[in-house]
Amino acid sequence: MSDTTAPGQRKGLLLAFLCFGVFMVYLDATIVNVALPDIQADLSTDITQLQWIIDAYTLTFACLLLTAGTLGDILGRKRIFLAGLVGFTLSSVLCALSGSIGMLLVGRTLQGVCGSVMIPVSLALVSAAYTEPAARAKAIGIWAGVGGIALSTGPVLGGFLVDHFGWQSIFWVNAPVGVLATVLLARLLTENRAPRERQLDPLGQLLFITAIASLAYGLIEGNGEGWTSGVILGAFAVSAVTLLLFVLWELRRPDPMLPMSFFRSPIVVVAGLVNFLSLFGLFAVIFLLTLYLQSVNGLSSVETGVRFLALTVPIMVASFAASVVAAKAGPRLPIFVGSLFSAGGLFGLTVLEAGSGFGAYWWSLILLGVGVSFTGAPATVALLGSVPAEQAGTASGVSNTFRQVGTVFGVALAGALLLRHLRDGMPGALAETGLPAEARAKAVGLLGDGDLSRAAALPPEIRGTVLDAVGPVYVQGMDLALQIAGAGALAGGLFALLFLKGGPPEQPEAVAETPAKTTGQRT
């Protein structure tokens, strides 16, 4: 970097290249979805294992965000961000080299660990660089907009790569991006820490991971193990007990991983709920609709990715606008309107039938994309604006934890409901076809785990009949998950309307009075 770079230009370059690195993390949240049917066929996986391909990433991401923000506060945000960036690049290579579902899940887990470092630390760096409320809101809007660009790029880029170079290529693409971002940011970033000493909370982290992971395990594996089995009931019990212990432990600590005092503020509570519910619905749709378009409607990866542009492009555009509106009008109205849009999109997708064309649902995807943007970005602006600067790393971790936990349970619950409905409804639907009992039993055995591509193993003379019968059952399972997500979106909007104040957000005085300490700065 030139020594004559003006402060404003330096801030712009810093924001640009931070977002460039973070782009990879958001890209891998959606690019893998269009590859799921190919991974399913190549590695012989079922719906449950497909859920873990998504949730191995989002679960570790969600559970470690709070500690990652604190690590940045203690060890230096530049150091931690670059370590996460290098680790994410290497774990992406591991995913690309995977020859088994086990190896792929290890790689996805490591991606989640490294991604959990990059997101909150980058947001804390942005928050520290832009101390004036309006400028900060715009910078956060750009940061969020990059996530929208990655979301919009993911399905189309993923579809192209999968169709032309195989599913492994969606991970190889991270290598050059990661190397370039690392080189540039190593020169551009200055070290930045919180102005007061922080301490890690290893016991709190362990309790939080156990609580969230146990609940996710119960939801994902419930269909396979049986919902009343000792393993699943035990997982739910462990989750409840460890969550209670986590809260009690955090209340006792002088420097907690998750300050319970945050939740005295209605802004933090409502922003957290809104972030949870908006991502819950969004990723339930991405997971379910990908399987529907490719497994039920028979579309290719590229065709699927192109249709997702109706969802992802509105997210990209509206994320920029939403934060600007929130800075001027306050978060309450944008969140309420966005929640109505999201609910309209989610309920609109319940009109789908097996074989529905793009004309039946494009408008629902647009509504959902705009709605998610007008809930998520204003909620994040409101949350960060409600805490002092020395807690920026922790607050950004809290904000993103709610979002990623919503992603985990959106995929987990959506997949569980789909698979349960498919297994319960398929025998009855096949019985109405008049097929012989032996043929029906074979169809149930092949398709009962949700992999409709296995219908290729059925005799050609009954294959079409079986798929015609199973397709509507598949869609009905999707509808139930979408209805729950739509109700959640409405609830989030109602919370915002009742508990958030109108008008522009006010910045705590501590932000202006306590600037972040920097060391080793370049001028």
Protein backbone atom coordinates (compact mmCIF):
# COMPACT_ATOMS: atom_id res chain seq x y z
CA MET A 1 0.00 0.00 0.00
CA SER A 2 1.19 3.50 -0.72
CA ASP A 3 2.15 5.61 2.29
CA THR A 4 0.21 8.51 0.78
CA THR A 5 -3.13 6.74 0.87
CA ALA A 6 -5.73 9.13 2.30
CA PRO A 7 -7.63 7.97 5.44
CA GLY A 8 -10.94 7.85 3.56
CA GLN A 9 -9.42 5.89 0.71
CA ARG A 10 -7.76 3.53 3.18
CA LYS A 11 -11.08 2.87 4.88
CA GLY A 12 -12.69 2.12 1.54
CA LEU A 13 -9.94 -0.30 0.54
CA LEU A 14 -10.00 -1.95 3.94
CA LEU A 15 -13.76 -2.46 3.72
CA ALA A 16 -13.50 -3.77 0.16
CA PHE A 17 -10.87 -6.41 0.89
CA LEU A 18 -12.43 -7.48 4.20
CA CYS A 19 -15.61 -8.10 2.26
CA PHE A 20 -13.61 -9.90 -0.42
CA GLY A 21 -12.39 -12.41 2.16
CA VAL A 22 -15.78 -12.75 3.83
CA PHE A 23 -17.32 -13.37 0.40
CA MET A 24 -16.00 -16.94 0.50
CA VAL A 25 -17.76 -17.70 3.77
CA TYR A 26 -21.15 -16.58 2.49
CA LEU A 27 -20.56 -18.22 -0.88
CA ASP A 28 -20.11 -21.61 0.77
CA ALA A 29 -23.41 -21.19 2.58
CA THR A 30 -25.30 -21.49 -0.75
CA ILE A 31 -22.95 -22.80 -3.44
CA VAL A 32 -23.04 -26.29 -1.94
CA ASN A 33 -26.83 -26.56 -2.10
CA VAL A 34 -27.07 -27.00 -5.87
CA ALA A 35 -24.42 -29.72 -5.61
CA LEU A 36 -26.37 -31.80 -3.08
CA PRO A 37 -28.06 -34.14 -5.62
CA ASP A 38 -24.69 -34.85 -7.29
CA ILE A 39 -23.02 -35.45 -3.93
CA GLN A 40 -25.95 -37.68 -3.01
CA ALA A 41 -25.49 -39.78 -6.12
CA ASP A 42 -21.66 -39.84 -6.00
CA LEU A 43 -21.23 -40.61 -2.29
CA SER A 44 -24.49 -42.61 -1.82
CA THR A 45 -25.98 -40.39 0.87
CA ASP A 46 -29.54 -39.93 2.13
CA ILE A 47 -31.42 -36.75 3.12
CA THR A 48 -30.14 -36.98 6.68
CA GLN A 49 -26.52 -36.96 5.49
CA LEU A 50 -27.31 -34.10 3.11
CA GLN A 51 -28.59 -32.15 6.10
CA TRP A 52 -25.28 -32.77 7.86
CA ILE A 53 -23.33 -31.46 4.84
CA ILE A 54 -25.12 -28.15 5.40
CA ASP A 55 -25.28 -28.25 9.19
CA ALA A 56 -21.71 -29.48 9.83
CA TYR A 57 -20.74 -26.09 8.41
CA THR A 58 -23.44 -23.93 9.99
CA LEU A 59 -23.43 -25.70 13.37
CA THR A 60 -19.73 -25.15 14.07
CA PHE A 61 -20.05 -21.69 12.59
CA ALA A 62 -22.91 -20.80 14.94
CA CYS A 63 -21.45 -22.34 18.08
CA LEU A 64 -18.02 -20.69 17.83
CA LEU A 65 -19.01 -17.18 16.78
CA LEU A 66 -19.09 -15.81 20.33
CA THR A 67 -15.62 -17.11 21.17
CA ALA A 68 -14.28 -15.96 17.80
CA GLY A 69 -15.32 -12.38 18.49
CA THR A 70 -13.65 -12.51 21.89
CA LEU A 71 -10.47 -14.00 20.40
CA GLY A 72 -10.26 -11.05 18.08
CA ASP A 73 -10.71 -8.68 20.99
CA ILE A 74 -7.90 -10.40 22.96
CA LEU A 75 -5.31 -11.47 20.38
CA GLY A 76 -5.88 -8.84 17.74
CA ARG A 77 -8.49 -8.77 15.02
CA LYS A 78 -6.02 -8.69 12.13
CA ARG A 79 -4.18 -11.77 13.37
CA ILE A 80 -7.35 -13.76 14.01
CA PHE A 81 -9.03 -12.77 10.74
CA LEU A 82 -6.02 -13.79 8.66
CA ALA A 83 -5.72 -17.10 10.55
CA GLY A 84 -9.36 -17.82 9.79
CA LEU A 85 -8.91 -16.89 6.14
CA VAL A 86 -5.93 -19.24 5.69
CA GLY A 87 -7.73 -22.05 7.54
CA PHE A 88 -10.87 -21.64 5.46
CA THR A 89 -8.86 -21.88 2.25
CA LEU A 90 -7.09 -25.07 3.36
CA SER A 91 -10.28 -26.75 4.61
CA SER A 92 -11.94 -25.98 1.27
CA VAL A 93 -9.14 -27.92 -0.43
CA LEU A 94 -9.83 -30.82 1.96
CA CYS A 95 -13.49 -30.80 0.94
CA ALA A 96 -12.52 -30.84 -2.74
CA LEU A 97 -10.32 -33.90 -2.18
CA SER A 98 -13.00 -35.83 -0.25
CA GLY A 99 -13.74 -39.32 -1.49
CA SER A 100 -16.22 -40.23 1.25
CA ILE A 101 -19.04 -38.58 3.18
CA GLY A 102 -16.97 -38.77 6.37
CA MET A 103 -14.03 -36.86 4.90
CA LEU A 104 -16.38 -34.28 3.40
CA LEU A 105 -18.07 -33.71 6.75
CA VAL A 106 -14.67 -33.19 8.42
CA GLY A 107 -13.79 -30.59 5.79
CA ARG A 108 -17.14 -28.85 6.16
CA THR A 109 -16.73 -28.78 9.93
CA LEU A 110 -13.30 -27.15 9.62
CA GLN A 111 -14.73 -24.64 7.15
CA GLY A 112 -17.34 -23.74 9.75
CA VAL A 113 -14.71 -23.29 12.46
CA CYS A 114 -12.66 -20.93 10.30
CA GLY A 115 -15.69 -19.09 8.95
CA SER A 116 -16.86 -18.46 12.51
CA VAL A 117 -13.66 -16.47 13.05
CA MET A 118 -13.90 -14.39 9.90
CA ILE A 119 -17.45 -13.04 10.12
CA PRO A 120 -17.63 -11.45 13.61
CA VAL A 121 -14.04 -10.22 13.50
CA SER A 122 -14.57 -8.58 10.12
CA LEU A 123 -17.72 -6.90 11.37
CA ALA A 124 -15.89 -5.67 14.48
CA LEU A 125 -13.11 -4.27 12.25
CA VAL A 126 -15.70 -2.44 10.16
CA SER A 127 -17.43 -1.13 13.28
CA ALA A 128 -14.12 0.14 14.70
CA ALA A 129 -13.15 1.84 11.44
CA TYR A 130 -16.48 3.66 11.04
CA THR A 131 -17.35 5.32 14.37
CA GLU A 132 -19.94 7.83 13.12
CA PRO A 133 -23.43 6.21 13.23
CA ALA A 134 -24.56 7.05 9.68
CA ALA A 135 -21.23 6.05 8.11
CA ARG A 136 -21.21 2.86 10.16
CA ALA A 137 -24.71 1.98 9.01
CA LYS A 138 -23.69 2.43 5.37
CA ALA A 139 -20.52 0.35 5.86
CA ILE A 140 -22.51 -2.43 7.53
CA GLY A 141 -24.94 -2.24 4.62
CA ILE A 142 -22.06 -2.81 2.19
CA TRP A 143 -20.79 -5.66 4.38
CA ALA A 144 -24.26 -7.22 4.37
CA GLY A 145 -24.61 -6.55 0.65
CA VAL A 146 -21.49 -8.60 -0.04
CA GLY A 147 -23.28 -11.47 1.65
CA GLY A 148 -26.13 -10.87 -0.75
CA ILE A 149 -23.79 -10.89 -3.73
CA ALA A 150 -22.30 -14.17 -2.52
CA LEU A 151 -25.78 -15.61 -2.06
CA SER A 152 -26.77 -14.58 -5.58
CA THR A 153 -23.52 -15.85 -7.08
CA GLY A 154 -23.52 -19.16 -5.22
CA PRO A 155 -26.36 -21.06 -6.92
CA VAL A 156 -25.50 -19.96 -10.47
CA LEU A 157 -21.74 -20.38 -10.09
CA GLY A 158 -22.28 -23.65 -8.27
CA GLY A 159 -24.60 -24.93 -10.97
CA PHE A 160 -22.14 -24.08 -13.72
CA LEU A 161 -19.21 -25.66 -11.88
CA VAL A 162 -21.10 -28.83 -10.95
CA ASP A 163 -22.41 -29.37 -14.48
CA HIS A 164 -19.03 -28.79 -16.15
CA PHE A 165 -16.38 -29.79 -13.60
CA GLY A 166 -18.07 -31.91 -10.92
CA TRP A 167 -19.19 -31.06 -7.39
CA GLN A 168 -15.59 -30.92 -6.11
CA SER A 169 -15.02 -27.72 -8.12
CA ILE A 170 -17.32 -25.70 -5.83
CA PHE A 171 -14.63 -26.05 -3.16
CA TRP A 172 -11.61 -25.64 -5.43
CA VAL A 173 -12.87 -22.18 -6.40
CA ASN A 174 -12.08 -20.94 -2.88
CA ALA A 175 -8.34 -21.56 -3.25
CA PRO A 176 -7.39 -18.63 -5.53
CA VAL A 177 -9.84 -16.29 -3.79
CA GLY A 178 -8.39 -17.17 -0.39
CA VAL A 179 -4.78 -16.74 -1.47
CA LEU A 180 -5.44 -13.35 -3.08
CA ALA A 181 -7.42 -12.03 -0.10
CA THR A 182 -4.74 -13.20 2.35
CA VAL A 183 -1.92 -11.47 0.49
CA LEU A 184 -3.80 -8.19 0.16
CA LEU A 185 -5.15 -8.05 3.71
CA ALA A 186 -1.79 -8.96 5.26
CA ARG A 187 -0.46 -5.70 3.82
CA LEU A 188 -3.56 -3.56 4.30
CA LEU A 189 -4.89 -4.43 7.75
CA THR A 190 -3.61 -2.75 10.92
CA GLU A 191 -3.76 -4.57 14.24
CA ASN A 192 -6.86 -3.76 16.25
CA ARG A 193 -7.90 -4.88 19.73
CA ALA A 194 -10.58 -4.09 22.27
CA PRO A 195 -9.52 -1.32 24.68
CA ARG A 196 -9.98 -3.52 27.75
CA GLU A 197 -8.76 -6.97 28.71
CA ARG A 198 -11.02 -9.90 27.80
CA GLN A 199 -10.92 -13.52 28.91
CA LEU A 200 -11.94 -16.67 27.11
CA ASP A 201 -14.73 -18.81 28.54
CA PRO A 202 -13.90 -22.43 27.64
CA LEU A 203 -16.56 -23.99 29.91
CA GLY A 204 -19.23 -21.67 28.58
CA GLN A 205 -18.18 -22.49 25.02
CA LEU A 206 -18.35 -26.24 25.73
CA LEU A 207 -21.81 -25.96 27.29
CA PHE A 208 -23.09 -23.88 24.36
CA ILE A 209 -21.73 -26.28 21.75
CA THR A 210 -23.23 -29.25 23.59
CA ALA A 211 -26.65 -27.59 23.88
CA ILE A 212 -26.93 -26.57 20.21
CA ALA A 213 -25.29 -29.71 18.79
CA SER A 214 -27.50 -32.04 20.87
CA LEU A 215 -30.66 -30.27 19.72
CA ALA A 216 -29.56 -30.35 16.08
CA TYR A 217 -28.65 -34.04 16.37
CA GLY A 218 -32.08 -34.85 17.78
CA LEU A 219 -33.88 -33.01 14.98
CA ILE A 220 -31.78 -34.44 12.15
CA GLU A 221 -31.50 -38.04 13.38
CA GLY A 222 -34.99 -38.32 14.88
CA ASN A 223 -36.50 -39.94 11.79
CA GLY A 224 -33.77 -42.54 11.57
CA GLU A 225 -33.48 -43.40 15.27
CA GLY A 226 -37.15 -42.95 16.15
CA TRP A 227 -38.50 -39.86 17.90
CA THR A 228 -39.21 -41.75 21.14
CA SER A 229 -35.93 -43.67 21.17
CA GLY A 230 -33.60 -43.29 24.11
CA VAL A 231 -30.90 -41.72 21.93
CA ILE A 232 -33.14 -38.93 20.62
CA LEU A 233 -34.91 -38.23 23.92
CA GLY A 234 -31.50 -38.22 25.56
CA ALA A 235 -30.20 -35.71 23.01
CA PHE A 236 -33.09 -33.35 23.73
CA ALA A 237 -32.61 -33.76 27.48
CA VAL A 238 -28.88 -33.05 27.21
CA SER A 239 -29.64 -29.95 25.16
CA ALA A 240 -32.10 -28.59 27.72
CA VAL A 241 -29.85 -29.27 30.72
CA THR A 242 -26.68 -27.87 29.17
CA LEU A 243 -28.51 -24.76 27.93
CA LEU A 244 -29.73 -24.09 31.47
CA LEU A 245 -26.22 -24.68 32.86
CA PHE A 246 -24.81 -22.35 30.21
CA VAL A 247 -27.12 -19.52 31.27
CA LEU A 248 -26.35 -20.06 34.98
CA TRP A 249 -22.60 -20.16 34.30
CA GLU A 250 -22.65 -17.01 32.20
CA LEU A 251 -24.58 -15.16 34.92
CA ARG A 252 -21.79 -15.97 37.40
CA ARG A 253 -18.80 -14.99 35.28
CA PRO A 254 -17.36 -11.47 35.57
CA ASP A 255 -16.41 -11.55 31.86
CA PRO A 256 -18.90 -13.90 30.19
CA MET A 257 -18.74 -15.19 26.64
CA LEU A 258 -22.38 -14.11 26.23
CA PRO A 259 -23.14 -11.17 28.53
CA MET A 260 -26.63 -11.81 29.86
CA SER A 261 -26.92 -8.07 30.49
CA PHE A 262 -27.31 -7.71 26.71
CA PHE A 263 -30.74 -9.29 26.99
CA ARG A 264 -32.02 -6.55 29.27
CA SER A 265 -32.21 -4.47 26.11
CA PRO A 266 -35.33 -5.12 24.00
CA ILE A 267 -33.28 -4.12 20.95
CA VAL A 268 -30.87 -7.05 21.45
CA VAL A 269 -33.68 -9.54 22.15
CA VAL A 270 -35.82 -8.51 19.18
CA ALA A 271 -32.85 -8.19 16.82
CA GLY A 272 -31.72 -11.68 17.84
CA LEU A 273 -35.16 -13.20 17.29
CA VAL A 274 -35.57 -11.46 13.95
CA ASN A 275 -32.16 -12.64 12.76
CA PHE A 276 -32.96 -16.20 13.88
CA LEU A 277 -36.38 -16.34 12.23
CA SER A 278 -35.32 -14.71 8.95
CA LEU A 279 -32.41 -17.10 8.37
CA PHE A 280 -34.53 -20.05 9.53
CA GLY A 281 -36.98 -19.44 6.69
CA LEU A 282 -34.37 -18.53 4.09
CA PHE A 283 -32.24 -21.65 4.45
CA ALA A 284 -35.22 -23.94 4.82
CA VAL A 285 -36.30 -22.69 1.38
CA ILE A 286 -32.82 -23.01 -0.16
CA PHE A 287 -32.47 -26.59 1.10
CA LEU A 288 -35.97 -27.75 0.20
CA LEU A 289 -36.33 -25.97 -3.12
CA THR A 290 -32.99 -27.30 -4.38
CA LEU A 291 -34.11 -30.87 -3.75
CA TYR A 292 -37.55 -30.16 -5.21
CA LEU A 293 -36.26 -28.61 -8.43
CA GLN A 294 -33.69 -31.32 -9.11
CA SER A 295 -35.24 -34.43 -7.55
CA VAL A 296 -38.94 -33.83 -8.32
CA ASN A 297 -38.87 -31.53 -11.37
CA GLY A 298 -35.68 -33.02 -12.85
CA LEU A 299 -33.81 -29.74 -13.47
CA SER A 300 -30.04 -29.55 -13.89
CA SER A 301 -27.74 -27.74 -11.45
CA VAL A 302 -27.43 -24.72 -13.76
CA GLU A 303 -31.19 -24.54 -14.32
CA THR A 304 -31.69 -24.66 -10.56
CA GLY A 305 -29.11 -21.94 -9.94
CA VAL A 306 -30.68 -19.63 -12.53
CA ARG A 307 -34.09 -19.94 -10.88
CA PHE A 308 -32.58 -19.05 -7.53
CA LEU A 309 -31.60 -15.66 -8.97
CA ALA A 310 -35.18 -14.60 -8.25
CA LEU A 311 -34.30 -15.03 -4.56
CA THR A 312 -30.66 -14.03 -4.39
CA VAL A 313 -30.56 -10.93 -6.59
CA PRO A 314 -33.25 -9.19 -4.50
CA ILE A 315 -31.20 -10.04 -1.40
CA MET A 316 -28.14 -8.46 -2.98
CA VAL A 317 -29.95 -5.27 -3.98
CA ALA A 318 -32.20 -4.85 -0.96
CA SER A 319 -29.41 -5.40 1.60
CA PHE A 320 -27.82 -2.12 0.53
CA ALA A 321 -31.10 -0.23 0.65
CA ALA A 322 -32.31 -1.72 3.93
CA SER A 323 -29.45 -0.45 6.10
CA VAL A 324 -29.76 3.07 4.63
CA VAL A 325 -33.50 3.09 5.37
CA ALA A 326 -32.85 1.80 8.89
CA ALA A 327 -30.28 4.55 9.54
CA LYS A 328 -32.84 7.21 8.64
CA ALA A 329 -36.13 5.74 9.82
CA GLY A 330 -35.00 3.34 12.55
CA PRO A 331 -35.22 -0.46 12.45
CA ARG A 332 -38.84 -1.00 13.51
CA LEU A 333 -40.68 -0.20 10.27
CA PRO A 334 -38.18 -1.89 7.89
CA ILE A 335 -38.18 -5.05 10.02
CA PHE A 336 -41.99 -5.16 10.19
CA VAL A 337 -42.44 -4.62 6.46
CA GLY A 338 -39.64 -7.08 5.68
CA SER A 339 -41.26 -9.71 7.86
CA LEU A 340 -44.55 -9.32 5.98
CA PHE A 341 -42.70 -9.74 2.68
CA SER A 342 -40.88 -12.82 3.96
CA ALA A 343 -44.08 -14.41 5.22
CA GLY A 344 -45.79 -13.68 1.89
CA GLY A 345 -42.96 -15.38 0.02
CA LEU A 346 -42.90 -18.42 2.30
CA PHE A 347 -46.65 -18.96 2.20
CA GLY A 348 -46.62 -18.29 -1.55
CA LEU A 349 -44.27 -21.26 -2.09
CA THR A 350 -46.87 -23.61 -0.62
CA VAL A 351 -48.78 -23.40 -3.93
CA LEU A 352 -46.10 -25.53 -5.60
CA GLU A 353 -47.05 -28.87 -7.05
CA ALA A 354 -44.93 -31.58 -8.64
CA GLY A 355 -43.88 -30.18 -12.00
CA SER A 356 -44.79 -26.53 -11.30
CA GLY A 357 -43.10 -24.11 -13.68
CA PHE A 358 -41.05 -21.05 -12.78
CA GLY A 359 -44.08 -18.82 -13.31
CA ALA A 360 -45.75 -20.36 -10.27
CA TYR A 361 -43.14 -19.29 -7.73
CA TRP A 362 -40.75 -16.58 -9.02
CA TRP A 363 -42.73 -13.86 -7.27
CA SER A 364 -42.56 -15.73 -3.96
CA LEU A 365 -38.76 -15.88 -4.17
CA ILE A 366 -38.57 -12.14 -4.85
CA LEU A 367 -40.79 -11.39 -1.86
CA LEU A 368 -38.66 -13.60 0.37
CA GLY A 369 -35.38 -12.06 -0.85
CA VAL A 370 -36.55 -8.50 -0.22
CA GLY A 371 -38.09 -9.50 3.11
CA VAL A 372 -34.98 -11.19 4.45
CA SER A 373 -32.88 -8.13 3.57
CA PHE A 374 -35.27 -5.70 5.24
CA THR A 375 -35.23 -7.74 8.44
CA GLY A 376 -31.59 -8.87 8.73
CA ALA A 377 -29.61 -5.72 7.89
CA PRO A 378 -31.70 -3.31 10.05
CA ALA A 379 -31.65 -5.78 12.94
CA THR A 380 -27.85 -5.97 12.78
CA VAL A 381 -27.52 -2.18 12.59
CA ALA A 382 -29.83 -1.83 15.60
CA LEU A 383 -27.96 -4.40 17.67
CA LEU A 384 -24.48 -3.00 17.03
CA GLY A 385 -25.75 0.51 17.66
CA SER A 386 -27.08 -0.49 21.09
CA VAL A 387 -23.76 -1.57 22.65
CA PRO A 388 -20.52 0.29 23.44
CA ALA A 389 -17.51 0.02 21.13
CA GLU A 390 -15.47 -2.15 23.50
CA GLN A 391 -18.11 -4.88 23.13
CA ALA A 392 -18.27 -4.71 19.32
CA GLY A 393 -16.63 -8.11 18.86
CA THR A 394 -18.97 -9.81 21.32
CA ALA A 395 -22.04 -8.02 19.95
CA SER A 396 -21.24 -8.97 16.36
CA GLY A 397 -20.77 -12.55 17.55
CA VAL A 398 -24.19 -12.45 19.23
CA SER A 399 -25.84 -11.08 16.10
CA ASN A 400 -24.33 -13.69 13.82
CA THR A 401 -24.88 -16.50 16.31
CA PHE A 402 -28.63 -15.89 16.16
CA ARG A 403 -28.46 -15.88 12.37
CA GLN A 404 -26.45 -19.07 12.08
CA VAL A 405 -28.44 -20.95 14.72
CA GLY A 406 -31.48 -20.05 12.63
CA THR A 407 -29.74 -21.57 9.61
CA VAL A 408 -28.92 -24.77 11.52
CA PHE A 409 -32.47 -25.33 12.68
CA GLY A 410 -34.03 -24.18 9.41
CA VAL A 411 -32.25 -26.98 7.56
CA ALA A 412 -32.63 -29.50 10.40
CA LEU A 413 -36.36 -29.01 10.92
CA ALA A 414 -37.17 -28.68 7.22
CA GLY A 415 -35.36 -31.92 6.40
CA ALA A 416 -36.91 -33.73 9.35
CA LEU A 417 -40.45 -32.71 8.40
CA LEU A 418 -39.92 -33.58 4.73
CA LEU A 419 -38.47 -37.00 5.46
CA ARG A 420 -41.09 -37.83 8.08
CA HIS A 421 -43.96 -36.90 5.77
CA LEU A 422 -42.40 -38.80 2.88
CA ARG A 423 -41.99 -41.99 4.90
CA ASP A 424 -45.49 -41.76 6.35
CA GLY A 425 -47.25 -40.82 3.14
CA MET A 426 -45.43 -42.87 0.50
CA PRO A 427 -46.99 -46.29 1.25
CA GLY A 428 -50.53 -44.88 0.99
CA ALA A 429 -49.76 -42.94 -2.18
CA LEU A 430 -48.25 -46.02 -3.83
CA ALA A 431 -51.19 -48.17 -2.74
CA GLU A 432 -53.50 -45.96 -4.83
CA THR A 433 -51.47 -46.71 -7.97
CA GLY A 434 -52.60 -50.33 -8.12
CA LEU A 435 -49.01 -51.57 -8.37
CA PRO A 436 -48.27 -55.05 -6.97
CA ALA A 437 -47.26 -55.17 -3.29
CA GLU A 438 -43.76 -56.35 -4.18
CA ALA A 439 -43.20 -53.38 -6.50
CA ARG A 440 -44.52 -50.96 -3.87
CA ALA A 441 -42.23 -52.42 -1.20
CA LYS A 442 -39.22 -52.09 -3.49
CA ALA A 443 -40.11 -48.44 -4.22
CA VAL A 444 -40.45 -47.64 -0.52
CA GLY A 445 -37.12 -49.30 0.20
CA LEU A 446 -35.35 -47.32 -2.52
CA LEU A 447 -36.96 -43.91 -2.00
CA GLY A 448 -37.74 -43.92 1.71
CA ASP A 449 -34.60 -41.95 2.57
CA GLY A 450 -35.58 -39.13 0.21
CA ASP A 451 -33.17 -39.86 -2.64
CA LEU A 452 -35.54 -39.88 -5.63
CA SER A 453 -32.63 -40.46 -8.02
CA ARG A 454 -32.69 -44.08 -6.88
CA ALA A 455 -35.91 -44.51 -8.85
CA ALA A 456 -33.55 -45.28 -11.75
CA ALA A 457 -33.14 -48.74 -10.19
CA LEU A 458 -36.87 -49.47 -10.59
CA PRO A 459 -38.15 -51.34 -13.66
CA PRO A 460 -38.81 -48.82 -16.47
CA GLU A 461 -42.47 -49.85 -16.76
CA ILE A 462 -43.29 -48.69 -13.19
CA ARG A 463 -40.75 -45.89 -12.70
CA GLY A 464 -42.97 -43.11 -14.00
CA THR A 465 -45.97 -44.31 -12.01
CA VAL A 466 -43.94 -44.39 -8.79
CA LEU A 467 -42.49 -40.91 -9.28
CA ASP A 468 -45.91 -39.48 -10.15
CA ALA A 469 -47.23 -40.86 -6.87
CA VAL A 470 -44.27 -39.88 -4.69
CA GLY A 471 -43.79 -36.34 -6.06
CA PRO A 472 -46.95 -34.86 -4.48
CA VAL A 473 -46.10 -36.46 -1.12
CA TYR A 474 -42.65 -34.88 -1.33
CA VAL A 475 -44.19 -31.46 -1.98
CA GLN A 476 -46.66 -31.82 0.89
CA GLY A 477 -43.74 -32.40 3.26
CA MET A 478 -42.15 -29.19 1.98
CA ASP A 479 -45.39 -27.28 2.56
CA LEU A 480 -45.46 -28.08 6.26
CA ALA A 481 -41.95 -26.71 6.79
CA LEU A 482 -42.73 -23.58 4.75
CA GLN A 483 -45.89 -22.89 6.75
CA ILE A 484 -43.93 -23.05 10.02
CA ALA A 485 -41.26 -20.72 8.62
CA GLY A 486 -43.94 -18.28 7.41
CA ALA A 487 -45.56 -18.16 10.84
CA GLY A 488 -42.13 -17.48 12.36
CA ALA A 489 -41.54 -14.56 9.98
CA LEU A 490 -44.85 -13.00 11.00
CA ALA A 491 -43.94 -13.42 14.67
CA GLY A 492 -40.62 -11.62 14.13
CA GLY A 493 -42.36 -8.66 12.53
CA LEU A 494 -44.86 -8.47 15.36
CA PHE A 495 -42.06 -8.47 17.96
CA ALA A 496 -40.35 -5.58 16.15
CA LEU A 497 -43.57 -3.58 15.92
CA LEU A 498 -44.33 -4.01 19.62
CA PHE A 499 -40.91 -3.67 21.23
CA LEU A 500 -38.66 -1.51 19.04
CA LYS A 501 -38.75 2.29 19.01
CA GLY A 502 -39.31 4.32 15.89
CA GLY A 503 -36.88 6.94 14.59
CA PRO A 504 -33.14 6.81 13.79
CA PRO A 505 -31.02 4.61 16.09
CA GLU A 506 -29.03 6.36 18.81
CA GLN A 507 -25.37 5.51 19.31
CA PRO A 508 -24.19 4.81 22.88
CA GLU A 509 -21.83 7.50 24.20
CA ALA A 510 -19.19 4.86 24.92
CA VAL A 511 -18.62 4.44 21.19
CA ALA A 512 -17.47 8.02 20.81
CA GLU A 513 -15.60 8.14 24.12
CA THR A 514 -13.72 4.85 23.93
CA PRO A 515 -11.92 4.43 20.61
CA ALA A 516 -10.46 1.04 19.82
CA LYS A 517 -6.76 0.65 20.57
CA THR A 518 -4.55 -0.06 17.58
CA THR A 519 -0.98 -1.23 17.41
CA GLY A 520 1.55 -1.42 14.63
CA GLN A 521 -0.45 0.87 12.34
CA ARG A 522 0.69 1.72 8.84
CA THR A 523 0.37 5.34 7.80
